[in-house]
Structures are given as C-alpha cells and as structure tokens.
C-alpha cells in the first residue's frame, strides 16, 4: 500500500528534526542521470546550511520536490532537477525539509551525493544529448528485459572528462528510517 506524500513527508520532517536519517525511493525522473526514480533510494538528513549544488527535499506551492539548489537569491532558494533543462522552482530556506546525503543504488550499493559541479556548468545542448542517450538506453534495456544498473555516478564520462565529482562521504553513524 503506497502512502501519499502529504502523509509521509511530514513524518520524514519530524524524524529529520529529531536527528534521524530517512531513506525513501523518489518517484519522478527529474533528477536523471544522478537519481533514477522508482529504482534508486535517497537518504535524507537535516540540512544545516543551504548551498548551491546540494540536493534537497522541499515543499514548493503545496507539492514536494527533490531537486538541486540551483541559485540562492537573498531569502529565495531556486531549485532545478538535473534532468530539467528548462524551468525551476522557488522556495524559502524554511521550506527545505532535508538534504540528500547518499544515494542507494539498485543492489544496495551506496554512493555519496555529489554537487555535480561539472554537470551544472555544461551547456544545455550537451546535457540534452546525454539525457536523450540515457533515456534511449533505459528504454532499450527495459524492452530487452535486462535488469542492470544503468549509471555509475562516479564513472559518468563525456569525451574522457569525469562529469561527476564525488564530494565527501555521507555519515553512516546516524540512525535512519527506510520507507
């Protein structure tokens, strides 16, 4: 039985504010190629400081989004999914529920969340090409019935350049709740 975000996320917020970590599987595809909805899980923790590049769970206009902090303008935090090449969301720091500290890939392999510095600065046409290629391979592998982990975040390369910087390790010593 699947529970709605309106029920689960306030509970996530309560647990995070108590110092726990929360694990859940996001549903959408807006964070491709770094987070694959319904396949990967993310581990959220308290967000002591909002910085450009981190991925946060936030409430935006009566809905919840798991997106990267794109810009900070005064008290406004501008969010954008890595797979969203147009558009963005705006919230306040107080609307941020937690930050992603780790991604749990299919098979249980854990990866630290990155700030995706190079990805954020790539020209839109390069991102568009890569995402189109990524989606093509996902559909092809699903059609063939092949169950593989498609993207190793630490090994995302384009023309020999490492597009992802693994920044730090997530803290494994905090308790968390898996959903």
Foldseek 3Di string as FASTA:
>chain_A
DDDDCVPPVVVCLVQQVVFFKAKEFAADPLQPPVHHGPFKIFIWHADPDQDAQWWFWFQFPNDIDTFGFHDDDPQKTWTGHLNDLDDITIDGPVRTRTTTQWMQGHVRDIAGDFSQVQSSPDDSVVSVVVVVVQVVVVVVCVVVVHDDGRDDLQQDDDPRDNRTDRDDHGDPPGHYYYD
